[in-house]
């Protein structure tokens, strides 16, 4: 019987205080990481929305070069102007519209501000006489450096 007592070891483990400290540290790290992750995903959706509009921008630019005006370049799904469908980056029943001046508008994107309001895109073509390209200037709410596009990105 005496030899059995000597071979038993005391059980070792974490104390309640040690476990509570670990949980507190994880909570602090999560409170810092979650807002940063939310900003990151919103910026990713903003970049995705602009990327999905690149083919439309190119088609409108080429159409304007061929026609000399925007009249035949604003109806999506006709000629060389592609149709833009609803996606996780461009939201709404009609996610994108093009006006008579070649302005591309996406009122609602997957990118949101800190209150959850969807950020929008307004791309206005810049026509330069004798120019070889047609840059688009973005004046939408998506030009927001924390949760949208930074200056210099996507026409902002």
C-alpha atoms as a PDB file:
ATOM      1  CA  UNK A   1       0.000   0.000   0.000  1.00  0.00           C
ATOM      2  CA  UNK A   2       2.803   2.344   0.806  1.00  0.00           C
ATOM      3  CA  UNK A   3       4.428   1.853  -2.591  1.00  0.00           C
ATOM      4  CA  UNK A   4       1.154   2.804  -4.286  1.00  0.00           C
ATOM      5  CA  UNK A   5       1.096   6.206  -2.569  1.00  0.00           C
ATOM      6  CA  UNK A   6       4.602   6.969  -3.708  1.00  0.00           C
ATOM      7  CA  UNK A   7       3.847   6.265  -7.353  1.00  0.00           C
ATOM      8  CA  UNK A   8       0.810   8.573  -7.455  1.00  0.00           C
ATOM      9  CA  UNK A   9       1.518  12.034  -8.791  1.00  0.00           C
ATOM     10  CA  UNK A  10      -0.293  15.192  -7.985  1.00  0.00           C
ATOM     11  CA  UNK A  11      -2.555  16.281 -10.841  1.00  0.00           C
ATOM     12  CA  UNK A  12      -1.303  19.378 -12.585  1.00  0.00           C
ATOM     13  CA  UNK A  13      -3.399  21.820 -14.632  1.00  0.00           C
ATOM     14  CA  UNK A  14      -4.232  25.455 -15.180  1.00  0.00           C
ATOM     15  CA  UNK A  15      -5.767  27.457 -12.419  1.00  0.00           C
ATOM     16  CA  UNK A  16      -8.951  29.413 -12.942  1.00  0.00           C
ATOM     17  CA  UNK A  17      -7.024  32.700 -12.818  1.00  0.00           C
ATOM     18  CA  UNK A  18      -4.657  31.563 -15.572  1.00  0.00           C
ATOM     19  CA  UNK A  19      -7.581  30.561 -17.792  1.00  0.00           C
ATOM     20  CA  UNK A  20      -9.357  33.869 -17.152  1.00  0.00           C
ATOM     21  CA  UNK A  21      -6.221  35.806 -18.135  1.00  0.00           C
ATOM     22  CA  UNK A  22      -5.964  33.872 -21.409  1.00  0.00           C
ATOM     23  CA  UNK A  23      -9.632  34.541 -22.196  1.00  0.00           C
ATOM     24  CA  UNK A  24      -9.157  38.256 -21.442  1.00  0.00           C
ATOM     25  CA  UNK A  25      -6.138  38.452 -23.764  1.00  0.00           C
ATOM     26  CA  UNK A  26      -8.080  36.727 -26.565  1.00  0.00           C
ATOM     27  CA  UNK A  27     -10.946  39.185 -26.049  1.00  0.00           C
ATOM     28  CA  UNK A  28      -8.614  42.176 -26.313  1.00  0.00           C
ATOM     29  CA  UNK A  29      -7.037  40.822 -29.500  1.00  0.00           C
ATOM     30  CA  UNK A  30     -10.461  40.153 -31.032  1.00  0.00           C
ATOM     31  CA  UNK A  31     -11.702  43.657 -30.210  1.00  0.00           C
ATOM     32  CA  UNK A  32      -8.773  45.095 -32.170  1.00  0.00           C
ATOM     33  CA  UNK A  33      -8.850  42.604 -35.054  1.00  0.00           C
ATOM     34  CA  UNK A  34     -12.571  42.569 -35.905  1.00  0.00           C
ATOM     35  CA  UNK A  35     -12.903  46.251 -36.926  1.00  0.00           C
ATOM     36  CA  UNK A  36      -9.723  45.975 -38.996  1.00  0.00           C
ATOM     37  CA  UNK A  37     -11.092  42.863 -40.710  1.00  0.00           C
ATOM     38  CA  UNK A  38     -14.371  44.667 -41.444  1.00  0.00           C
ATOM     39  CA  UNK A  39     -12.478  47.580 -43.031  1.00  0.00           C
ATOM     40  CA  UNK A  40     -10.385  45.139 -45.068  1.00  0.00           C
ATOM     41  CA  UNK A  41     -13.410  43.272 -46.463  1.00  0.00           C
ATOM     42  CA  UNK A  42     -15.140  46.556 -47.355  1.00  0.00           C
ATOM     43  CA  UNK A  43     -12.029  47.787 -49.222  1.00  0.00           C
ATOM     44  CA  UNK A  44     -11.881  44.448 -51.051  1.00  0.00           C
ATOM     45  CA  UNK A  45     -15.509  44.795 -52.150  1.00  0.00           C
ATOM     46  CA  UNK A  46     -14.808  48.359 -53.333  1.00  0.00           C
ATOM     47  CA  UNK A  47     -11.889  47.157 -55.454  1.00  0.00           C
ATOM     48  CA  UNK A  48     -14.053  44.320 -56.802  1.00  0.00           C
ATOM     49  CA  UNK A  49     -16.801  46.749 -57.808  1.00  0.00           C
ATOM     50  CA  UNK A  50     -14.344  48.902 -59.754  1.00  0.00           C
ATOM     51  CA  UNK A  51     -12.826  45.807 -61.385  1.00  0.00           C
ATOM     52  CA  UNK A  52     -16.271  44.661 -62.545  1.00  0.00           C
ATOM     53  CA  UNK A  53     -16.838  48.042 -64.218  1.00  0.00           C
ATOM     54  CA  UNK A  54     -13.545  48.000 -66.161  1.00  0.00           C
ATOM     55  CA  UNK A  55     -15.013  46.194 -69.177  1.00  0.00           C
ATOM     56  CA  UNK A  56     -17.885  48.712 -69.312  1.00  0.00           C
ATOM     57  CA  UNK A  57     -15.449  51.642 -69.129  1.00  0.00           C
ATOM     58  CA  UNK A  58     -13.361  50.179 -71.948  1.00  0.00           C
ATOM     59  CA  UNK A  59     -16.412  49.514 -74.126  1.00  0.00           C
ATOM     60  CA  UNK A  60     -17.765  53.040 -73.637  1.00  0.00           C
ATOM     61  CA  UNK A  61     -14.350  54.516 -74.472  1.00  0.00           C
ATOM     62  CA  UNK A  62     -14.047  52.439 -77.650  1.00  0.00           C
ATOM     63  CA  UNK A  63     -17.624  53.232 -78.673  1.00  0.00           C
ATOM     64  CA  UNK A  64     -17.015  56.953 -78.203  1.00  0.00           C
ATOM     65  CA  UNK A  65     -13.838  56.731 -80.307  1.00  0.00           C
ATOM     66  CA  UNK A  66     -15.784  55.033 -83.116  1.00  0.00           C
ATOM     67  CA  UNK A  67     -18.957  57.148 -82.925  1.00  0.00           C
ATOM     68  CA  UNK A  68     -17.588  60.516 -81.829  1.00  0.00           C
ATOM     69  CA  UNK A  69     -20.448  60.881 -79.331  1.00  0.00           C
ATOM     70  CA  UNK A  70     -22.102  58.952 -76.505  1.00  0.00           C
ATOM     71  CA  UNK A  71     -25.534  58.560 -78.167  1.00  0.00           C
ATOM     72  CA  UNK A  72     -25.061  54.892 -79.165  1.00  0.00           C
ATOM     73  CA  UNK A  73     -22.749  54.106 -76.252  1.00  0.00           C
ATOM     74  CA  UNK A  74     -25.100  54.234 -73.282  1.00  0.00           C
ATOM     75  CA  UNK A  75     -27.445  51.272 -73.753  1.00  0.00           C
ATOM     76  CA  UNK A  76     -25.986  48.243 -72.039  1.00  0.00           C
ATOM     77  CA  UNK A  77     -26.464  44.959 -73.853  1.00  0.00           C
ATOM     78  CA  UNK A  78     -26.432  46.529 -77.333  1.00  0.00           C
ATOM     79  CA  UNK A  79     -23.516  46.704 -79.710  1.00  0.00           C
ATOM     80  CA  UNK A  80     -20.240  46.289 -77.862  1.00  0.00           C
ATOM     81  CA  UNK A  81     -21.572  47.663 -74.549  1.00  0.00           C
ATOM     82  CA  UNK A  82     -21.717  44.802 -72.025  1.00  0.00           C
ATOM     83  CA  UNK A  83     -24.492  44.241 -69.507  1.00  0.00           C
ATOM     84  CA  UNK A  84     -23.413  44.433 -65.879  1.00  0.00           C
ATOM     85  CA  UNK A  85     -25.176  41.955 -63.613  1.00  0.00           C
ATOM     86  CA  UNK A  86     -25.869  42.078 -59.901  1.00  0.00           C
ATOM     87  CA  UNK A  87     -23.045  40.527 -57.889  1.00  0.00           C
ATOM     88  CA  UNK A  88     -21.641  40.666 -54.372  1.00  0.00           C
ATOM     89  CA  UNK A  89     -19.767  43.812 -55.439  1.00  0.00           C
ATOM     90  CA  UNK A  90     -22.545  45.587 -57.381  1.00  0.00           C
ATOM     91  CA  UNK A  91     -25.938  45.450 -55.674  1.00  0.00           C
ATOM     92  CA  UNK A  92     -29.487  46.225 -56.792  1.00  0.00           C
ATOM     93  CA  UNK A  93     -32.054  45.297 -59.416  1.00  0.00           C
ATOM     94  CA  UNK A  94     -30.280  47.624 -61.864  1.00  0.00           C
ATOM     95  CA  UNK A  95     -26.797  47.716 -60.390  1.00  0.00           C
ATOM     96  CA  UNK A  96     -25.305  50.063 -62.997  1.00  0.00           C
ATOM     97  CA  UNK A  97     -26.680  52.846 -65.201  1.00  0.00           C
ATOM     98  CA  UNK A  98     -25.050  54.905 -67.949  1.00  0.00           C
ATOM     99  CA  UNK A  99     -26.267  58.427 -68.757  1.00  0.00           C
ATOM    100  CA  UNK A 100     -26.096  60.350 -72.013  1.00  0.00           C
ATOM    101  CA  UNK A 101     -22.744  61.890 -71.118  1.00  0.00           C
ATOM    102  CA  UNK A 102     -21.155  58.463 -70.619  1.00  0.00           C
ATOM    103  CA  UNK A 103     -21.333  58.725 -66.818  1.00  0.00           C
ATOM    104  CA  UNK A 104     -21.391  55.279 -65.176  1.00  0.00           C
ATOM    105  CA  UNK A 105     -23.288  55.123 -61.885  1.00  0.00           C
ATOM    106  CA  UNK A 106     -23.456  52.248 -59.415  1.00  0.00           C
ATOM    107  CA  UNK A 107     -25.599  53.561 -56.583  1.00  0.00           C
ATOM    108  CA  UNK A 108     -25.006  50.616 -54.279  1.00  0.00           C
ATOM    109  CA  UNK A 109     -21.897  48.447 -53.907  1.00  0.00           C
ATOM    110  CA  UNK A 110     -20.852  45.745 -51.472  1.00  0.00           C
ATOM    111  CA  UNK A 111     -18.515  48.243 -49.802  1.00  0.00           C
ATOM    112  CA  UNK A 112     -20.062  50.037 -46.832  1.00  0.00           C
ATOM    113  CA  UNK A 113     -19.185  52.899 -44.531  1.00  0.00           C
ATOM    114  CA  UNK A 114     -18.833  52.364 -40.767  1.00  0.00           C
ATOM    115  CA  UNK A 115     -22.629  52.646 -40.294  1.00  0.00           C
ATOM    116  CA  UNK A 116     -23.377  49.961 -42.895  1.00  0.00           C
ATOM    117  CA  UNK A 117     -24.533  52.338 -45.651  1.00  0.00           C
ATOM    118  CA  UNK A 118     -23.547  51.110 -49.120  1.00  0.00           C
ATOM    119  CA  UNK A 119     -20.946  53.213 -50.916  1.00  0.00           C
ATOM    120  CA  UNK A 120     -21.644  54.304 -54.497  1.00  0.00           C
ATOM    121  CA  UNK A 121     -19.645  54.886 -57.670  1.00  0.00           C
ATOM    122  CA  UNK A 122     -19.974  57.778 -60.129  1.00  0.00           C
ATOM    123  CA  UNK A 123     -17.480  57.497 -63.001  1.00  0.00           C
ATOM    124  CA  UNK A 124     -17.329  60.521 -65.307  1.00  0.00           C
ATOM    125  CA  UNK A 125     -15.321  60.230 -68.551  1.00  0.00           C
ATOM    126  CA  UNK A 126     -12.684  62.850 -69.271  1.00  0.00           C
ATOM    127  CA  UNK A 127     -12.438  63.594 -72.967  1.00  0.00           C
ATOM    128  CA  UNK A 128      -9.225  65.176 -74.212  1.00  0.00           C
ATOM    129  CA  UNK A 129      -9.041  66.352 -77.822  1.00  0.00           C
ATOM    130  CA  UNK A 130      -6.525  64.178 -79.634  1.00  0.00           C
ATOM    131  CA  UNK A 131      -6.143  61.960 -76.561  1.00  0.00           C
ATOM    132  CA  UNK A 132      -5.556  58.252 -76.979  1.00  0.00           C
ATOM    133  CA  UNK A 133      -7.382  57.194 -73.831  1.00  0.00           C
ATOM    134  CA  UNK A 134     -10.481  58.145 -71.877  1.00  0.00           C
ATOM    135  CA  UNK A 135      -9.805  58.249 -68.139  1.00  0.00           C
ATOM    136  CA  UNK A 136     -12.788  58.143 -65.794  1.00  0.00           C
ATOM    137  CA  UNK A 137     -12.894  60.312 -62.660  1.00  0.00           C
ATOM    138  CA  UNK A 138     -14.660  58.753 -59.688  1.00  0.00           C
ATOM    139  CA  UNK A 139     -16.681  61.190 -57.572  1.00  0.00           C
ATOM    140  CA  UNK A 140     -18.748  58.610 -55.699  1.00  0.00           C
ATOM    141  CA  UNK A 141     -18.898  57.922 -51.991  1.00  0.00           C
ATOM    142  CA  UNK A 142     -16.682  54.881 -52.561  1.00  0.00           C
ATOM    143  CA  UNK A 143     -13.695  57.282 -52.541  1.00  0.00           C
ATOM    144  CA  UNK A 144     -13.270  56.800 -48.797  1.00  0.00           C
ATOM    145  CA  UNK A 145      -9.757  55.757 -47.716  1.00  0.00           C
ATOM    146  CA  UNK A 146     -10.697  53.691 -44.638  1.00  0.00           C
ATOM    147  CA  UNK A 147     -13.472  51.467 -46.020  1.00  0.00           C
ATOM    148  CA  UNK A 148     -13.451  52.256 -49.751  1.00  0.00           C
ATOM    149  CA  UNK A 149     -10.870  53.322 -52.307  1.00  0.00           C
ATOM    150  CA  UNK A 150      -7.796  55.354 -51.426  1.00  0.00           C
ATOM    151  CA  UNK A 151      -6.808  58.434 -53.474  1.00  0.00           C
ATOM    152  CA  UNK A 152      -5.316  57.284 -56.788  1.00  0.00           C
ATOM    153  CA  UNK A 153      -7.329  54.047 -56.872  1.00  0.00           C
ATOM    154  CA  UNK A 154     -10.303  53.509 -59.152  1.00  0.00           C
ATOM    155  CA  UNK A 155     -10.298  57.087 -60.415  1.00  0.00           C
ATOM    156  CA  UNK A 156     -10.534  58.647 -56.938  1.00  0.00           C
END
